[in-house]
C-alpha atoms as a PDB file:
ATOM      1  CA  MET A   1       4.915 -15.171  27.584  1.00  0.00           C
ATOM      2  CA  ALA A   2       2.365 -12.397  27.108  1.00  0.00           C
ATOM      3  CA  LYS A   3      -1.286 -13.288  26.923  1.00  0.00           C
ATOM      4  CA  ARG A   4      -2.607 -13.365  23.358  1.00  0.00           C
ATOM      5  CA  GLN A   5      -5.292 -10.849  22.435  1.00  0.00           C
ATOM      6  CA  THR A   6      -8.067 -11.384  19.938  1.00  0.00           C
ATOM      7  CA  ILE A   7      -8.311  -8.848  17.139  1.00  0.00           C
ATOM      8  CA  ARG A   8     -10.943  -8.471  14.458  1.00  0.00           C
ATOM      9  CA  LEU A   9     -10.271  -6.645  11.238  1.00  0.00           C
ATOM     10  CA  ASN A  10     -11.196  -6.496   7.608  1.00  0.00           C
ATOM     11  CA  VAL A  11      -8.397  -7.036   5.076  1.00  0.00           C
ATOM     12  CA  ASN A  12      -9.123  -6.645   1.367  1.00  0.00           C
ATOM     13  CA  GLY A  13     -12.834  -7.037   2.047  1.00  0.00           C
ATOM     14  CA  ILE A  14     -12.501 -10.224   4.126  1.00  0.00           C
ATOM     15  CA  SER A  15     -13.179 -10.295   7.870  1.00  0.00           C
ATOM     16  CA  TYR A  16     -10.627 -11.968  10.103  1.00  0.00           C
ATOM     17  CA  GLU A  17     -10.493 -12.784  13.787  1.00  0.00           C
ATOM     18  CA  ARG A  18      -7.204 -13.964  15.269  1.00  0.00           C
ATOM     19  CA  ALA A  19      -5.509 -14.228  18.643  1.00  0.00           C
ATOM     20  CA  VAL A  20      -2.117 -12.513  18.460  1.00  0.00           C
ATOM     21  CA  GLU A  21       0.819 -11.746  20.707  1.00  0.00           C
ATOM     22  CA  PRO A  22       0.509  -8.120  21.884  1.00  0.00           C
ATOM     23  CA  ARG A  23       3.952  -7.316  20.458  1.00  0.00           C
ATOM     24  CA  MET A  24       3.266  -8.701  16.945  1.00  0.00           C
ATOM     25  CA  LEU A  25       3.763  -6.075  14.266  1.00  0.00           C
ATOM     26  CA  LEU A  26       1.001  -5.465  11.746  1.00  0.00           C
ATOM     27  CA  VAL A  27       3.349  -6.335   8.866  1.00  0.00           C
ATOM     28  CA  ASP A  28       4.087  -9.715  10.475  1.00  0.00           C
ATOM     29  CA  PHE A  29       0.379 -10.327  11.049  1.00  0.00           C
ATOM     30  CA  ILE A  30      -0.410  -9.585   7.408  1.00  0.00           C
ATOM     31  CA  ARG A  31       2.407 -11.762   6.075  1.00  0.00           C
ATOM     32  CA  HIS A  32       2.481 -14.645   8.548  1.00  0.00           C
ATOM     33  CA  GLU A  33      -1.029 -14.887   9.962  1.00  0.00           C
ATOM     34  CA  LEU A  34      -2.914 -14.022   6.762  1.00  0.00           C
ATOM     35  CA  GLY A  35      -0.359 -15.254   4.220  1.00  0.00           C
ATOM     36  CA  LEU A  36      -0.445 -12.025   2.207  1.00  0.00           C
ATOM     37  CA  LYS A  37       3.182 -11.819   1.096  1.00  0.00           C
ATOM     38  CA  GLY A  38       2.823  -8.724  -1.099  1.00  0.00           C
ATOM     39  CA  THR A  39       3.409  -6.460   1.887  1.00  0.00           C
ATOM     40  CA  HIS A  40       7.189  -6.514   2.151  1.00  0.00           C
ATOM     41  CA  ILE A  41       9.442  -6.121   5.169  1.00  0.00           C
ATOM     42  CA  GLY A  42      12.300  -3.765   4.396  1.00  0.00           C
ATOM     43  CA  CYS A  43      13.961  -1.552   6.953  1.00  0.00           C
ATOM     44  CA  GLU A  44      11.586  -2.300   9.860  1.00  0.00           C
ATOM     45  CA  GLN A  45      12.001   1.350  10.925  1.00  0.00           C
ATOM     46  CA  GLY A  46       9.380   3.125   8.807  1.00  0.00           C
ATOM     47  CA  ILE A  47      11.928   4.585   6.420  1.00  0.00           C
ATOM     48  CA  CYS A  48      11.697   2.548   3.199  1.00  0.00           C
ATOM     49  CA  GLY A  49       7.913   2.269   2.673  1.00  0.00           C
ATOM     50  CA  ALA A  50       8.019  -1.365   1.481  1.00  0.00           C
ATOM     51  CA  CYS A  51       5.439  -2.326   4.110  1.00  0.00           C
ATOM     52  CA  THR A  52       2.899   0.386   3.222  1.00  0.00           C
ATOM     53  CA  VAL A  53      -0.769  -0.570   3.494  1.00  0.00           C
ATOM     54  CA  ILE A  54      -3.973   1.468   3.591  1.00  0.00           C
ATOM     55  CA  LEU A  55      -5.432   1.506   7.108  1.00  0.00           C
ATOM     56  CA  ASN A  56      -8.878   3.086   7.420  1.00  0.00           C
ATOM     57  CA  GLY A  57      -8.283   5.040   4.231  1.00  0.00           C
ATOM     58  CA  GLU A  58      -4.746   6.289   4.921  1.00  0.00           C
ATOM     59  CA  SER A  59      -1.363   4.897   3.949  1.00  0.00           C
ATOM     60  CA  VAL A  60       0.707   3.696   6.910  1.00  0.00           C
ATOM     61  CA  ASN A  61       3.946   1.825   7.460  1.00  0.00           C
ATOM     62  CA  SER A  62       2.763  -1.511   8.828  1.00  0.00           C
ATOM     63  CA  CYS A  63       6.182  -2.146  10.396  1.00  0.00           C
ATOM     64  CA  LEU A  64       5.521   0.688  12.855  1.00  0.00           C
ATOM     65  CA  LEU A  65       2.145  -0.540  14.099  1.00  0.00           C
ATOM     66  CA  LEU A  66       1.245  -3.408  16.334  1.00  0.00           C
ATOM     67  CA  ALA A  67      -1.418  -5.756  15.032  1.00  0.00           C
ATOM     68  CA  ILE A  68      -3.562  -5.014  18.106  1.00  0.00           C
ATOM     69  CA  GLN A  69      -3.584  -1.330  17.091  1.00  0.00           C
ATOM     70  CA  ALA A  70      -5.412  -2.370  13.922  1.00  0.00           C
ATOM     71  CA  ASP A  71      -8.236  -4.052  15.849  1.00  0.00           C
ATOM     72  CA  GLY A  72     -11.498  -3.082  14.149  1.00  0.00           C
ATOM     73  CA  ALA A  73      -9.750  -1.527  11.163  1.00  0.00           C
ATOM     74  CA  ASP A  74     -10.259  -1.825   7.429  1.00  0.00           C
ATOM     75  CA  ILE A  75      -6.979  -2.626   5.689  1.00  0.00           C
ATOM     76  CA  LEU A  76      -6.139  -2.717   2.012  1.00  0.00           C
ATOM     77  CA  THR A  77      -2.971  -4.484   0.890  1.00  0.00           C
ATOM     78  CA  VAL A  78      -1.463  -4.686  -2.585  1.00  0.00           C
ATOM     79  CA  GLU A  79      -3.339  -7.955  -3.135  1.00  0.00           C
ATOM     80  CA  GLY A  80      -6.598  -6.016  -2.788  1.00  0.00           C
ATOM     81  CA  LEU A  81      -5.846  -3.585  -5.611  1.00  0.00           C
ATOM     82  CA  SER A  82      -6.622  -5.994  -8.426  1.00  0.00           C
ATOM     83  CA  ASP A  83      -9.931  -7.632  -9.161  1.00  0.00           C
ATOM     84  CA  GLY A  84      -8.785 -11.213  -9.655  1.00  0.00           C
ATOM     85  CA  GLU A  85      -6.702 -11.216 -12.821  1.00  0.00           C
ATOM     86  CA  GLN A  86      -7.851  -7.672 -13.739  1.00  0.00           C
ATOM     87  CA  LEU A  87      -5.213  -5.160 -12.663  1.00  0.00           C
ATOM     88  CA  SER A  88      -6.267  -1.774 -11.344  1.00  0.00           C
ATOM     89  CA  ARG A  89      -5.616   1.335 -13.432  1.00  0.00           C
ATOM     90  CA  LEU A  90      -2.735   2.167 -11.125  1.00  0.00           C
ATOM     91  CA  GLN A  91      -1.130  -1.254 -11.522  1.00  0.00           C
ATOM     92  CA  MET A  92      -1.568  -1.031 -15.295  1.00  0.00           C
ATOM     93  CA  ALA A  93       0.104   2.397 -15.327  1.00  0.00           C
ATOM     94  CA  PHE A  94       3.093   0.999 -13.411  1.00  0.00           C
ATOM     95  CA  TRP A  95       3.338  -1.813 -15.962  1.00  0.00           C
ATOM     96  CA  GLU A  96       2.927   0.480 -18.981  1.00  0.00           C
ATOM     97  CA  HIS A  97       5.504   2.994 -17.708  1.00  0.00           C
ATOM     98  CA  HIS A  98       7.939   0.294 -16.518  1.00  0.00           C
ATOM     99  CA  GLY A  99       7.590   1.642 -12.984  1.00  0.00           C
ATOM    100  CA  LEU A 100       9.427  -1.296 -11.477  1.00  0.00           C
ATOM    101  CA  GLN A 101      12.611  -3.239 -11.884  1.00  0.00           C
ATOM    102  CA  CYS A 102      13.407  -5.708  -9.116  1.00  0.00           C
ATOM    103  CA  GLY A 103       9.878  -5.215  -7.750  1.00  0.00           C
ATOM    104  CA  PHE A 104      10.699  -5.285  -4.036  1.00  0.00           C
ATOM    105  CA  CYS A 105       9.543  -1.726  -3.408  1.00  0.00           C
ATOM    106  CA  THR A 106       6.629  -1.842  -5.860  1.00  0.00           C
ATOM    107  CA  PRO A 107       3.866  -2.927  -3.442  1.00  0.00           C
ATOM    108  CA  GLY A 108       4.700  -0.073  -1.075  1.00  0.00           C
ATOM    109  CA  PHE A 109       4.806   2.429  -3.928  1.00  0.00           C
ATOM    110  CA  LEU A 110       1.485   1.143  -5.255  1.00  0.00           C
ATOM    111  CA  MET A 111      -0.175   1.553  -1.862  1.00  0.00           C
ATOM    112  CA  THR A 112       1.194   5.066  -1.341  1.00  0.00           C
ATOM    113  CA  ALA A 113       0.196   5.953  -4.910  1.00  0.00           C
ATOM    114  CA  HIS A 114      -3.277   4.497  -4.276  1.00  0.00           C
ATOM    115  CA  ASP A 115      -3.616   6.858  -1.321  1.00  0.00           C
ATOM    116  CA  ILE A 116      -2.445   9.796  -3.465  1.00  0.00           C
ATOM    117  CA  VAL A 117      -4.787   9.193  -6.412  1.00  0.00           C
ATOM    118  CA  ASN A 118      -7.778   8.508  -4.165  1.00  0.00           C
ATOM    119  CA  SER A 119      -7.232  11.437  -1.806  1.00  0.00           C
ATOM    120  CA  SER A 120      -9.363  14.537  -1.924  1.00  0.00           C
ATOM    121  CA  LEU A 121      -6.206  16.623  -2.452  1.00  0.00           C
ATOM    122  CA  LEU A 122      -5.705  18.314  -5.777  1.00  0.00           C
ATOM    123  CA  VAL A 123      -2.323  16.795  -6.531  1.00  0.00           C
ATOM    124  CA  GLU A 124      -0.278  18.199  -9.375  1.00  0.00           C
ATOM    125  CA  GLU A 125       1.637  15.839 -11.620  1.00  0.00           C
ATOM    126  CA  GLY A 126       5.418  15.588 -11.514  1.00  0.00           C
ATOM    127  CA  GLU A 127       7.298  17.177  -8.616  1.00  0.00           C
ATOM    128  CA  GLU A 128       4.366  17.093  -6.194  1.00  0.00           C
ATOM    129  CA  VAL A 129       3.888  13.380  -6.892  1.00  0.00           C
ATOM    130  CA  ARG A 130       7.613  12.856  -6.310  1.00  0.00           C
ATOM    131  CA  ARG A 131       7.346  14.680  -2.969  1.00  0.00           C
ATOM    132  CA  LEU A 132       4.317  12.650  -1.885  1.00  0.00           C
ATOM    133  CA  LEU A 133       6.149   9.417  -2.772  1.00  0.00           C
ATOM    134  CA  SER A 134       9.268  10.443  -0.839  1.00  0.00           C
ATOM    135  CA  GLY A 135       8.476   8.052   2.026  1.00  0.00           C
ATOM    136  CA  ASN A 136       9.119   5.127  -0.332  1.00  0.00           C
ATOM    137  CA  LEU A 137      12.618   4.171  -1.388  1.00  0.00           C
ATOM    138  CA  CYS A 138      13.705   2.420  -4.572  1.00  0.00           C
ATOM    139  CA  ARG A 139      17.239   1.324  -5.393  1.00  0.00           C
ATOM    140  CA  CYS A 140      16.570   0.487  -9.057  1.00  0.00           C
ATOM    141  CA  THR A 141      14.338   2.839 -11.035  1.00  0.00           C
ATOM    142  CA  GLY A 142      15.410   6.406 -10.360  1.00  0.00           C
ATOM    143  CA  TYR A 143      11.741   7.174  -9.606  1.00  0.00           C
ATOM    144  CA  GLN A 144      10.979   8.850 -12.951  1.00  0.00           C
ATOM    145  CA  THR A 145       8.887   5.968 -14.309  1.00  0.00           C
ATOM    146  CA  ILE A 146       7.025   5.626 -11.007  1.00  0.00           C
ATOM    147  CA  VAL A 147       6.221   9.348 -10.982  1.00  0.00           C
ATOM    148  CA  ALA A 148       5.109   9.100 -14.626  1.00  0.00           C
ATOM    149  CA  ALA A 149       2.764   6.194 -13.815  1.00  0.00           C
ATOM    150  CA  VAL A 150       1.138   7.976 -10.876  1.00  0.00           C
ATOM    151  CA  SER A 151       0.913  11.229 -12.834  1.00  0.00           C
ATOM    152  CA  GLU A 152      -0.856   9.425 -15.674  1.00  0.00           C
ATOM    153  CA  VAL A 153      -3.501   8.009 -13.337  1.00  0.00           C
ATOM    154  CA  LEU A 154      -4.000  11.452 -11.790  1.00  0.00           C
ATOM    155  CA  ARG A 155      -4.415  12.924 -15.284  1.00  0.00           C
ATOM    156  CA  GLN A 156      -6.904  10.167 -16.225  1.00  0.00           C
ATOM    157  CA  ARG A 157      -8.909  10.801 -13.049  1.00  0.00           C
ATOM    158  CA  ARG A 158      -9.149  14.520 -13.807  1.00  0.00           C
ATOM    159  CA  GLU A 159     -10.159  13.928 -17.434  1.00  0.00           C
ATOM    160  CA  LYS A 160     -12.556  11.052 -16.816  1.00  0.00           C
ATOM    161  CA  PRO A 161     -13.605  10.407 -13.215  1.00  0.00           C
ATOM    162  CA  SER A 162     -14.395   6.760 -12.508  1.00  0.00           C
ATOM    163  CA  ASN A 163     -15.802   4.612  -9.757  1.00  0.00           C
ATOM    164  CA  ASP A 164     -12.664   2.444  -9.959  1.00  0.00           C
ATOM    165  CA  LYS A 165     -10.968   3.332  -6.669  1.00  0.00           C
ATOM    166  CA  ARG A 166      -8.360   0.592  -6.996  1.00  0.00           C
END
């Protein structure tokens, strides 16, 4: 058995310190060690995007990283998007545009979309949003409502910039 290593990281604004097996994946750490079940395990190969989290400001597939690689990092999971019962603008747009059906892929899409709408890139609505979301797979929606939700938030940000980065 490999010697456990202590990692320290900040997840959704809370500091954690845990001893983990060196081979533990970040997605397993988030789900099993921290109990944050919103980050889903899908393909476990970095293809489906269900496990997407924001690591130090960038979206990553947490199934492709070891927990020890996140030592010292700031991580945002889908649970960190809302402020208690108050949904973020992005979450509200998904709800208003019916950007989900079964919901399995939704947390990954929300995290990738969060990265898109908070990036410094000048992202165009529609096809460019679809391209930027291409690392996330959905079997239910056909993507149109998801693209519409993200496009709406991008449009709102251009028309009325806000401090709400969720």
